[in-house]
Amino acid sequence: MKKIIKKFCLFLGKIFKLIDKIIITPVMKVFIRISNFFSQNNKTFERIFANKQALIVISLILAFLVFWIVDNNSNALVDSSAEILYSQPLNAIYNEEAYVIEGLPETVDVILIGRRSDIYLAKQLSGSDEISVDLRELSVGTHRVNLKYRQGVSSVEYKLDPSTVTVIVYDKVSATREVTAEVLHRNNLDSKLDISNIKLSKTEVTIKGSAKKLEEVAYVKALIDIDNLVDPTVGETTITGNKLLAYNNNGEIVDVEILPETVDATLTLTSTSKVVPIRVVPVGDIALGYAIESTTTSISNITIYGDEDSLRNIEYVPVKIDISNLSAYKEFNVNLEKPSGVRDMSEKTVTVKVNIGAEAQKEVTGVHIQTINLANGLKASAGSAADSEITVLVKGSKKLLDDLDTTKITATVDLSEYTTPGEYEVEVKVSGEDLRLSYASKTKKIKIKISE
């Protein structure tokens, strides 16, 4: 017993020496230095700091104060806390070749409850496959299953949201679908180039999923992104790894498995162009008594680019100028507008110089009247010989009238509104190739007979 007491006293002595060395002695040194600092001005401080017992008491008070502060702060590490890990991936385990699972969320929220230090450790140990659900034993049908979390730190409580889900297990079936191409960002292609043909490495693919899902698939498209072309030029070029997507009749994506997932596409790039003249088109009414004598343009022809079908019907590019109340020479700088179907033009602007002269007029007789837009199964004829031809009054400058080609004047009657046999009075419309002149029929209406 004496030995035990002796050992205990020795242990206490060592503790006291340790406290004296670590806490009391350093604190006493500090107060002695403070005492020396105030000794000349304050005898009260000198008496207190000169007293060894007083210094011991003060040191112990400060030691307990430090202990209380450290202990109080350490509580922050041991107090219970909670934290949420949002959108953690869910790993489903099942036979993916044989079954399709519906109802599983892609991600799950995890609530961690425990001490802050333990929660911090749990977050560091968490991985991408922590949350799982084992569906290997399930048969076809509807099931309620529990999600599991691989607990990395035992002192932390883990709660999943959701923790249970209802899933539907289907047999996986397959079918084939034809693949069509859809070009993305086509407007980013050089405007002088056109895609004349697209050849896919696969024209049919296999789609897999539940029978219900496969019935929804109306078509499969290969998404070909023009932005993936590097320095496109005329000729063939290949874009690899084009993603495949399945769509329903409403154009919505259907979530099915597609094999293969991507296809290659070989594009044939062409540059179709056509050289056409530009034609000045006056807009508005010129000043009374005046007419356009001549127009001069900085360019006479222009190269237009587009697909072959669009370019085939374009004979010229119009250049519109506003001549409202114009009575003297004027120069116009016009931004050219692309005709429908034209992607690019060799010129973007043109300068038009307009000379003005005195107005003159000329009568052109014997202009034959043509019928347009007559319904199928009907035929039309003039009500009389006088109704088959008209006289056209042409106004403009004397120079243009002298050079006028009368064969380019056209007179028409539109019969689109007359769908039954009978005799009708129809308005006559006239036009001419030279748009700097104005054209008007002296006879406003003629009689037309429509029969079957």
Protein backbone atom coordinates (compact mmCIF):
# COMPACT_ATOMS: atom_id res chain seq x y z
CA MET A 1 0.00 0.00 0.00
CA LYS A 2 2.83 2.38 0.88
CA LYS A 3 4.43 1.66 -2.46
CA ILE A 4 1.21 2.60 -4.25
CA ILE A 5 0.90 5.84 -2.27
CA LYS A 6 4.52 6.63 -2.94
CA LYS A 7 4.07 6.07 -6.68
CA PHE A 8 0.92 8.19 -6.67
CA CYS A 9 2.79 11.03 -4.87
CA LEU A 10 5.58 10.78 -7.38
CA PHE A 11 3.02 10.94 -10.20
CA LEU A 12 1.40 14.06 -8.70
CA GLY A 13 4.81 15.61 -8.26
CA LYS A 14 5.62 15.06 -11.89
CA ILE A 15 2.29 16.60 -12.92
CA PHE A 16 2.92 19.63 -10.68
CA LYS A 17 6.42 20.04 -12.12
CA LEU A 18 4.99 19.80 -15.63
CA ILE A 19 2.32 22.44 -14.87
CA ASP A 20 4.97 24.60 -13.20
CA LYS A 21 7.26 24.29 -16.18
CA ILE A 22 4.65 24.75 -18.91
CA ILE A 23 2.20 27.21 -17.32
CA ILE A 24 3.24 28.75 -13.97
CA THR A 25 6.87 29.61 -14.71
CA PRO A 26 6.20 31.21 -18.14
CA VAL A 27 3.27 33.19 -16.74
CA MET A 28 5.37 34.33 -13.75
CA LYS A 29 8.07 35.52 -16.09
CA VAL A 30 5.54 37.56 -18.02
CA PHE A 31 4.20 39.18 -14.86
CA ILE A 32 7.71 39.85 -13.57
CA ARG A 33 8.48 41.70 -16.78
CA ILE A 34 5.24 43.65 -16.45
CA SER A 35 6.14 44.35 -12.80
CA ASN A 36 9.53 45.70 -13.80
CA PHE A 37 7.82 47.90 -16.39
CA PHE A 38 5.40 49.42 -13.85
CA SER A 39 7.79 49.41 -10.85
CA GLN A 40 8.83 52.99 -11.25
CA ASN A 41 5.27 54.35 -11.41
CA ASN A 42 3.09 52.01 -9.43
CA LYS A 43 4.13 50.60 -6.02
CA THR A 44 0.90 48.60 -5.74
CA PHE A 45 1.75 46.54 -8.83
CA GLU A 46 5.27 46.12 -7.48
CA ARG A 47 4.05 44.67 -4.18
CA ILE A 48 1.67 42.28 -5.93
CA PHE A 49 4.15 41.04 -8.51
CA ALA A 50 6.92 40.79 -5.92
CA ASN A 51 4.78 38.37 -3.93
CA LYS A 52 5.43 34.79 -5.15
CA GLN A 53 2.18 33.41 -3.71
CA ALA A 54 0.15 36.10 -5.47
CA LEU A 55 1.85 35.25 -8.74
CA ILE A 56 1.05 31.55 -8.27
CA VAL A 57 -2.62 32.34 -7.65
CA ILE A 58 -2.80 34.62 -10.70
CA SER A 59 -1.04 31.98 -12.81
CA LEU A 60 -3.50 29.30 -11.74
CA ILE A 61 -6.44 31.61 -12.52
CA LEU A 62 -5.06 32.27 -15.98
CA ALA A 63 -4.38 28.55 -16.49
CA PHE A 64 -7.99 27.69 -15.66
CA LEU A 65 -9.13 30.50 -17.94
CA VAL A 66 -7.09 29.11 -20.85
CA PHE A 67 -8.41 25.61 -20.14
CA TRP A 68 -12.00 26.90 -20.15
CA ILE A 69 -11.49 28.68 -23.49
CA VAL A 70 -9.92 25.61 -25.13
CA ASP A 71 -12.59 23.31 -23.73
CA ASN A 72 -15.37 25.63 -24.83
CA ASN A 73 -14.02 25.84 -28.37
CA SER A 74 -13.54 22.10 -28.60
CA ASN A 75 -17.25 21.64 -28.06
CA ALA A 76 -17.77 22.96 -31.57
CA LEU A 77 -16.06 19.83 -32.85
CA VAL A 78 -18.10 17.40 -30.76
CA ASP A 79 -21.56 19.03 -30.96
CA SER A 80 -24.03 17.16 -33.14
CA SER A 81 -24.54 18.65 -36.62
CA ALA A 82 -26.15 17.79 -39.98
CA GLU A 83 -25.22 18.36 -43.60
CA ILE A 84 -26.85 17.45 -46.95
CA LEU A 85 -24.99 16.03 -49.93
CA TYR A 86 -27.15 16.93 -52.92
CA SER A 87 -27.57 14.97 -56.18
CA GLN A 88 -25.45 11.94 -55.36
CA PRO A 89 -25.47 9.36 -58.21
CA LEU A 90 -27.43 6.14 -57.76
CA ASN A 91 -25.86 2.88 -58.91
CA ALA A 92 -28.45 0.27 -59.95
CA ILE A 93 -27.31 -3.34 -60.12
CA TYR A 94 -29.29 -5.57 -62.52
CA ASN A 95 -29.01 -7.51 -65.79
CA GLU A 96 -28.95 -4.65 -68.29
CA GLU A 97 -29.00 -7.02 -71.27
CA ALA A 98 -32.27 -8.66 -70.27
CA TYR A 99 -34.30 -6.01 -68.43
CA VAL A 100 -35.32 -2.37 -68.52
CA ILE A 101 -35.95 -0.53 -65.23
CA GLU A 102 -38.28 2.44 -64.94
CA GLY A 103 -38.87 4.60 -61.87
CA LEU A 104 -35.30 4.88 -60.59
CA PRO A 105 -34.06 8.42 -59.86
CA GLU A 106 -30.70 9.33 -61.36
CA THR A 107 -29.55 11.02 -58.14
CA VAL A 108 -30.35 10.93 -54.41
CA ASP A 109 -29.78 13.45 -51.60
CA VAL A 110 -27.84 12.18 -48.55
CA ILE A 111 -28.29 13.69 -45.07
CA LEU A 112 -25.27 13.23 -42.75
CA ILE A 113 -25.91 13.55 -38.98
CA GLY A 114 -23.13 13.46 -36.37
CA ARG A 115 -20.19 15.39 -35.01
CA ARG A 116 -18.73 17.95 -37.36
CA SER A 117 -15.36 16.27 -37.37
CA ASP A 118 -16.96 12.93 -38.26
CA ILE A 119 -19.11 14.52 -40.98
CA TYR A 120 -16.02 16.13 -42.45
CA LEU A 121 -14.28 12.74 -42.52
CA ALA A 122 -17.36 11.08 -44.05
CA LYS A 123 -17.40 13.64 -46.88
CA GLN A 124 -13.74 12.99 -47.62
CA LEU A 125 -14.33 9.24 -47.78
CA SER A 126 -17.46 9.40 -49.94
CA GLY A 127 -17.20 8.08 -53.53
CA SER A 128 -19.30 7.91 -56.69
CA ASP A 129 -20.66 4.41 -55.96
CA GLU A 130 -21.81 4.93 -52.38
CA ILE A 131 -25.57 4.70 -53.07
CA SER A 132 -26.83 1.50 -54.68
CA VAL A 133 -29.88 -0.65 -55.19
CA ASP A 134 -29.67 -4.36 -56.01
CA LEU A 135 -32.42 -5.43 -58.44
CA ARG A 136 -30.95 -8.74 -59.58
CA GLU A 137 -33.52 -10.84 -57.76
CA LEU A 138 -36.56 -8.97 -59.06
CA SER A 139 -38.92 -10.41 -61.66
CA VAL A 140 -40.92 -8.55 -64.30
CA GLY A 141 -43.48 -6.30 -62.63
CA THR A 142 -43.77 -3.48 -60.07
CA HIS A 143 -41.66 -3.54 -56.91
CA ARG A 144 -40.91 -1.35 -53.89
CA VAL A 145 -37.15 -1.33 -53.18
CA ASN A 146 -34.85 0.20 -50.58
CA LEU A 147 -31.79 2.24 -51.48
CA LYS A 148 -28.57 1.47 -49.63
CA TYR A 149 -25.65 3.68 -48.65
CA ARG A 150 -22.16 2.25 -48.05
CA GLN A 151 -21.45 3.74 -44.63
CA GLY A 152 -17.87 5.00 -44.50
CA VAL A 153 -17.87 6.36 -40.91
CA SER A 154 -19.80 4.35 -38.31
CA SER A 155 -20.32 7.31 -35.98
CA VAL A 156 -22.26 9.22 -38.65
CA GLU A 157 -25.95 8.57 -39.26
CA TYR A 158 -26.88 8.47 -42.95
CA LYS A 159 -30.37 9.21 -44.29
CA LEU A 160 -31.35 9.01 -47.98
CA ASP A 161 -33.96 11.12 -49.75
CA PRO A 162 -35.67 9.17 -51.18
CA SER A 163 -34.82 6.04 -49.25
CA THR A 164 -37.32 3.79 -51.05
CA VAL A 165 -38.63 3.93 -54.61
CA THR A 166 -41.17 2.08 -56.75
CA VAL A 167 -39.66 0.53 -59.86
CA ILE A 168 -41.15 -1.29 -62.84
CA VAL A 169 -39.16 -4.13 -64.39
CA TYR A 170 -39.72 -4.83 -68.11
CA ASP A 171 -38.27 -7.41 -70.44
CA LYS A 172 -35.84 -5.72 -72.83
CA VAL A 173 -36.78 -6.19 -76.51
CA SER A 174 -35.16 -4.88 -79.68
CA ALA A 175 -36.19 -3.54 -83.09
CA THR A 176 -34.59 -1.83 -86.09
CA ARG A 177 -35.17 1.71 -87.30
CA GLU A 178 -34.00 3.65 -90.33
CA VAL A 179 -31.60 6.51 -89.63
CA THR A 180 -31.97 9.95 -91.20
CA ALA A 181 -29.56 12.87 -90.99
CA GLU A 182 -30.26 16.21 -89.33
CA VAL A 183 -27.74 19.00 -89.84
CA LEU A 184 -27.10 21.28 -86.87
CA HIS A 185 -25.75 24.85 -87.16
CA ARG A 186 -26.08 24.80 -90.95
CA ASN A 187 -26.01 28.60 -90.97
CA ASN A 188 -22.41 28.45 -89.71
CA LEU A 189 -21.28 26.79 -92.96
CA ASP A 190 -19.52 29.08 -95.45
CA SER A 191 -22.38 30.79 -97.27
CA LYS A 192 -20.78 29.98 -100.64
CA LEU A 193 -20.94 26.25 -99.88
CA ASP A 194 -23.92 23.91 -99.99
CA ILE A 195 -24.47 20.33 -98.77
CA SER A 196 -25.58 18.39 -101.84
CA ASN A 197 -25.46 14.88 -100.31
CA ILE A 198 -25.05 13.15 -96.94
CA LYS A 199 -24.01 9.50 -96.67
CA LEU A 200 -24.23 7.77 -93.27
CA SER A 201 -22.05 4.82 -92.27
CA LYS A 202 -25.22 3.10 -90.97
CA THR A 203 -28.66 3.45 -92.55
CA GLU A 204 -30.34 1.17 -89.97
CA VAL A 205 -29.72 0.79 -86.24
CA THR A 206 -31.00 -1.42 -83.44
CA ILE A 207 -33.04 0.13 -80.66
CA LYS A 208 -33.56 -1.64 -77.32
CA GLY A 209 -35.95 -1.02 -74.46
CA SER A 210 -39.35 -1.99 -73.19
CA ALA A 211 -41.98 -2.88 -75.80
CA LYS A 212 -43.95 0.22 -74.73
CA LYS A 213 -40.98 2.51 -75.34
CA LEU A 214 -40.14 0.99 -78.72
CA GLU A 215 -43.69 1.61 -79.90
CA GLU A 216 -43.18 5.33 -79.21
CA VAL A 217 -40.11 5.59 -81.47
CA ALA A 218 -41.15 7.11 -84.80
CA TYR A 219 -37.69 7.76 -86.22
CA VAL A 220 -33.99 7.92 -85.37
CA LYS A 221 -31.81 10.86 -86.37
CA ALA A 222 -28.07 11.30 -86.65
CA LEU A 223 -27.21 14.80 -85.42
CA ILE A 224 -24.50 16.18 -87.71
CA ASP A 225 -22.93 19.34 -86.29
CA ILE A 226 -21.42 21.64 -88.93
CA ASP A 227 -19.28 23.22 -86.19
CA ASN A 228 -17.25 19.98 -86.17
CA LEU A 229 -16.05 20.64 -89.73
CA VAL A 230 -12.47 21.87 -89.95
CA ASP A 231 -11.73 24.19 -92.91
CA PRO A 232 -14.59 22.93 -95.15
CA THR A 233 -13.98 23.06 -98.91
CA VAL A 234 -15.67 21.79 -102.05
CA GLY A 235 -15.61 17.98 -102.15
CA GLU A 236 -16.25 15.15 -99.69
CA THR A 237 -15.55 15.48 -95.99
CA THR A 238 -16.34 13.12 -93.09
CA ILE A 239 -17.59 13.94 -89.61
CA THR A 240 -17.13 11.04 -87.18
CA GLY A 241 -18.98 10.19 -83.97
CA ASN A 242 -22.34 11.78 -84.77
CA LYS A 243 -24.78 11.11 -81.91
CA LEU A 244 -28.01 9.17 -82.54
CA LEU A 245 -31.31 10.09 -80.89
CA ALA A 246 -34.76 8.49 -81.07
CA TYR A 247 -37.89 10.66 -81.39
CA ASN A 248 -41.65 10.15 -81.16
CA ASN A 249 -44.24 11.62 -83.53
CA ASN A 250 -44.24 14.90 -81.56
CA GLY A 251 -40.50 15.37 -82.00
CA GLU A 252 -39.77 14.51 -78.36
CA ILE A 253 -36.75 12.39 -77.42
CA VAL A 254 -37.54 8.79 -76.42
CA ASP A 255 -35.19 7.23 -73.86
CA VAL A 256 -34.13 3.95 -75.50
CA GLU A 257 -30.80 2.26 -76.06
CA ILE A 258 -29.44 2.70 -79.60
CA LEU A 259 -26.78 0.43 -81.10
CA PRO A 260 -24.44 1.76 -82.30
CA GLU A 261 -24.59 4.99 -80.33
CA THR A 262 -22.92 7.06 -83.06
CA VAL A 263 -22.40 6.97 -86.84
CA ASP A 264 -20.02 8.62 -89.30
CA ALA A 265 -21.34 10.99 -91.96
CA THR A 266 -19.71 11.80 -95.30
CA LEU A 267 -20.83 15.17 -96.64
CA THR A 268 -20.52 16.27 -100.26
CA LEU A 269 -19.94 20.02 -100.32
CA THR A 270 -20.60 21.97 -103.50
CA SER A 271 -20.52 25.63 -104.48
CA THR A 272 -23.38 26.37 -106.88
CA SER A 273 -23.36 29.87 -108.35
CA LYS A 274 -24.93 31.87 -111.14
CA VAL A 275 -24.06 35.22 -112.75
CA VAL A 276 -27.11 37.45 -113.21
CA PRO A 277 -27.58 41.12 -114.09
CA ILE A 278 -28.78 43.71 -111.62
CA ARG A 279 -31.93 45.63 -112.48
CA VAL A 280 -32.85 49.08 -111.18
CA VAL A 281 -36.37 49.13 -109.72
CA PRO A 282 -37.71 52.68 -109.10
CA VAL A 283 -40.09 52.98 -106.15
CA GLY A 284 -42.47 55.91 -105.63
CA ASP A 285 -43.80 58.67 -107.91
CA ILE A 286 -41.33 61.00 -109.59
CA ALA A 287 -42.01 64.75 -109.61
CA LEU A 288 -44.77 65.84 -111.98
CA GLY A 289 -43.52 66.46 -115.52
CA TYR A 290 -40.25 64.59 -115.01
CA ALA A 291 -39.03 61.11 -115.99
CA ILE A 292 -35.93 58.96 -115.57
CA GLU A 293 -33.70 59.60 -118.56
CA SER A 294 -30.99 57.06 -117.70
CA THR A 295 -29.56 55.00 -114.87
CA THR A 296 -25.95 53.96 -114.45
CA THR A 297 -24.82 51.33 -111.93
CA SER A 298 -21.33 50.76 -110.54
CA ILE A 299 -21.66 47.07 -111.42
CA SER A 300 -23.76 45.40 -114.09
CA ASN A 301 -23.62 41.72 -113.06
CA ILE A 302 -23.39 39.88 -109.78
CA THR A 303 -22.57 36.29 -108.76
CA ILE A 304 -25.17 34.68 -106.52
CA TYR A 305 -24.72 31.47 -104.47
CA GLY A 306 -27.37 28.99 -103.36
CA ASP A 307 -28.87 25.60 -104.12
CA GLU A 308 -29.47 24.74 -107.76
CA ASP A 309 -33.28 24.74 -107.55
CA SER A 310 -33.39 28.23 -106.04
CA LEU A 311 -30.93 29.76 -108.51
CA ARG A 312 -32.70 28.28 -111.54
CA ASN A 313 -35.63 30.73 -111.31
CA ILE A 314 -33.63 33.89 -110.52
CA GLU A 315 -33.07 36.03 -113.64
CA TYR A 316 -31.80 39.22 -112.00
CA VAL A 317 -31.15 40.93 -108.66
CA PRO A 318 -33.42 43.95 -108.06
CA VAL A 319 -31.92 47.26 -106.89
CA LYS A 320 -34.67 49.41 -105.37
CA ILE A 321 -34.29 53.21 -105.37
CA ASP A 322 -36.79 55.74 -103.97
CA ILE A 323 -37.55 58.36 -106.64
CA SER A 324 -40.42 60.03 -104.79
CA ASN A 325 -40.66 63.71 -105.96
CA LEU A 326 -37.27 63.42 -107.65
CA SER A 327 -36.67 66.25 -110.18
CA ALA A 328 -32.88 66.37 -110.61
CA TYR A 329 -29.81 64.15 -110.85
CA LYS A 330 -29.19 61.98 -107.78
CA GLU A 331 -26.75 59.29 -106.75
CA PHE A 332 -27.92 56.35 -104.60
CA ASN A 333 -25.79 53.99 -102.50
CA VAL A 334 -27.89 50.84 -102.11
CA ASN A 335 -27.41 47.78 -99.89
CA LEU A 336 -28.32 44.77 -102.01
CA GLU A 337 -31.00 42.42 -100.69
CA LYS A 338 -30.56 38.71 -101.29
CA PRO A 339 -33.40 37.14 -103.29
CA SER A 340 -35.17 34.19 -101.69
CA GLY A 341 -33.01 31.06 -101.79
CA VAL A 342 -29.74 33.00 -102.21
CA ARG A 343 -27.20 32.44 -99.41
CA ASP A 344 -24.48 34.82 -100.56
CA MET A 345 -23.62 37.35 -103.27
CA SER A 346 -20.31 38.54 -104.68
CA GLU A 347 -21.28 42.17 -104.03
CA LYS A 348 -23.09 43.69 -101.07
CA THR A 349 -23.60 47.30 -102.26
CA VAL A 350 -24.06 49.15 -105.54
CA THR A 351 -24.03 52.80 -106.58
CA VAL A 352 -26.83 53.98 -108.88
CA LYS A 353 -26.61 57.31 -110.74
CA VAL A 354 -29.97 58.63 -111.95
CA ASN A 355 -30.34 61.33 -114.63
CA ILE A 356 -33.69 63.13 -114.86
CA GLY A 357 -35.30 64.54 -117.99
CA ALA A 358 -38.62 65.89 -119.17
CA GLU A 359 -41.51 63.45 -119.31
CA ALA A 360 -42.80 62.27 -122.73
CA GLN A 361 -45.33 59.62 -123.70
CA LYS A 362 -45.90 57.11 -126.45
CA GLU A 363 -48.84 54.97 -127.51
CA VAL A 364 -48.24 51.33 -128.37
CA THR A 365 -51.11 49.76 -130.27
CA GLY A 366 -52.04 46.14 -130.93
CA VAL A 367 -50.80 44.69 -127.63
CA HIS A 368 -52.31 41.19 -127.42
CA ILE A 369 -54.09 40.25 -124.17
CA GLN A 370 -53.13 37.01 -122.41
CA THR A 371 -55.27 35.10 -119.88
CA ILE A 372 -53.70 33.72 -116.67
CA ASN A 373 -54.85 31.50 -113.78
CA LEU A 374 -57.79 29.94 -115.63
CA ALA A 375 -59.27 26.96 -113.79
CA ASN A 376 -58.71 23.47 -115.20
CA GLY A 377 -61.43 22.26 -117.58
CA LEU A 378 -62.35 25.77 -118.70
CA LYS A 379 -61.39 27.85 -121.72
CA ALA A 380 -61.56 31.60 -122.30
CA SER A 381 -62.00 33.82 -125.34
CA ALA A 382 -62.40 37.53 -125.99
CA GLY A 383 -65.95 38.84 -126.04
CA SER A 384 -65.21 40.58 -129.36
CA ALA A 385 -62.30 41.37 -131.66
CA ALA A 386 -61.87 44.70 -129.86
CA ASP A 387 -61.44 42.83 -126.58
CA SER A 388 -58.45 40.82 -127.80
CA GLU A 389 -56.03 43.76 -128.15
CA ILE A 390 -55.44 47.03 -126.35
CA THR A 391 -53.46 50.24 -126.70
CA VAL A 392 -50.85 50.90 -124.01
CA LEU A 393 -49.77 54.40 -122.98
CA VAL A 394 -46.08 54.44 -122.02
CA LYS A 395 -44.57 57.41 -120.14
CA GLY A 396 -40.92 58.25 -119.58
CA SER A 397 -38.01 60.21 -120.99
CA LYS A 398 -37.86 60.69 -124.78
CA LYS A 399 -34.55 58.80 -124.95
CA LEU A 400 -36.00 55.69 -123.27
CA LEU A 401 -39.18 55.85 -125.36
CA ASP A 402 -37.12 55.96 -128.54
CA ASP A 403 -35.26 52.82 -127.48
CA LEU A 404 -38.42 51.01 -126.27
CA ASP A 405 -38.84 47.39 -127.38
CA THR A 406 -42.62 47.11 -127.71
CA THR A 407 -42.48 43.31 -127.79
CA LYS A 408 -41.52 43.39 -124.11
CA ILE A 409 -44.87 44.93 -123.13
CA THR A 410 -47.33 42.42 -121.63
CA ALA A 411 -51.09 42.71 -121.10
CA THR A 412 -52.92 40.15 -118.95
CA VAL A 413 -56.29 39.39 -117.38
CA ASP A 414 -56.39 37.33 -114.19
CA LEU A 415 -59.21 34.74 -114.27
CA SER A 416 -58.51 33.07 -110.91
CA GLU A 417 -61.83 34.33 -109.48
CA TYR A 418 -63.95 33.07 -112.40
CA THR A 419 -64.58 29.36 -111.94
CA THR A 420 -67.89 28.88 -113.78
CA PRO A 421 -68.85 29.38 -117.46
CA GLY A 422 -70.23 32.80 -118.42
CA GLU A 423 -69.37 36.22 -119.75
CA TYR A 424 -67.43 38.56 -117.48
CA GLU A 425 -65.93 42.03 -117.53
CA VAL A 426 -62.32 41.74 -116.36
CA GLU A 427 -59.68 44.36 -115.51
CA VAL A 428 -56.61 44.54 -117.77
CA LYS A 429 -53.11 44.84 -116.29
CA VAL A 430 -50.01 45.84 -118.29
CA SER A 431 -46.29 45.73 -117.51
CA GLY A 432 -43.00 46.20 -119.30
CA GLU A 433 -39.43 45.00 -118.98
CA ASP A 434 -37.94 48.48 -118.57
CA LEU A 435 -38.99 49.49 -115.05
CA ARG A 436 -37.84 53.08 -115.57
CA LEU A 437 -40.96 53.61 -117.70
CA SER A 438 -44.59 53.58 -116.59
CA TYR A 439 -47.27 51.57 -118.46
CA ALA A 440 -51.06 52.00 -118.49
CA SER A 441 -53.81 50.47 -120.63
CA LYS A 442 -56.13 52.93 -122.38
CA THR A 443 -58.83 50.26 -122.03
CA LYS A 444 -59.39 49.49 -118.37
CA LYS A 445 -61.68 46.45 -118.75
CA ILE A 446 -62.57 43.94 -121.49
CA LYS A 447 -65.22 41.23 -121.86
CA ILE A 448 -64.18 37.60 -121.54
CA LYS A 449 -66.26 34.51 -122.34
CA ILE A 450 -65.54 31.41 -120.24
CA SER A 451 -66.85 28.02 -121.35
CA GLU A 452 -66.23 24.37 -120.57
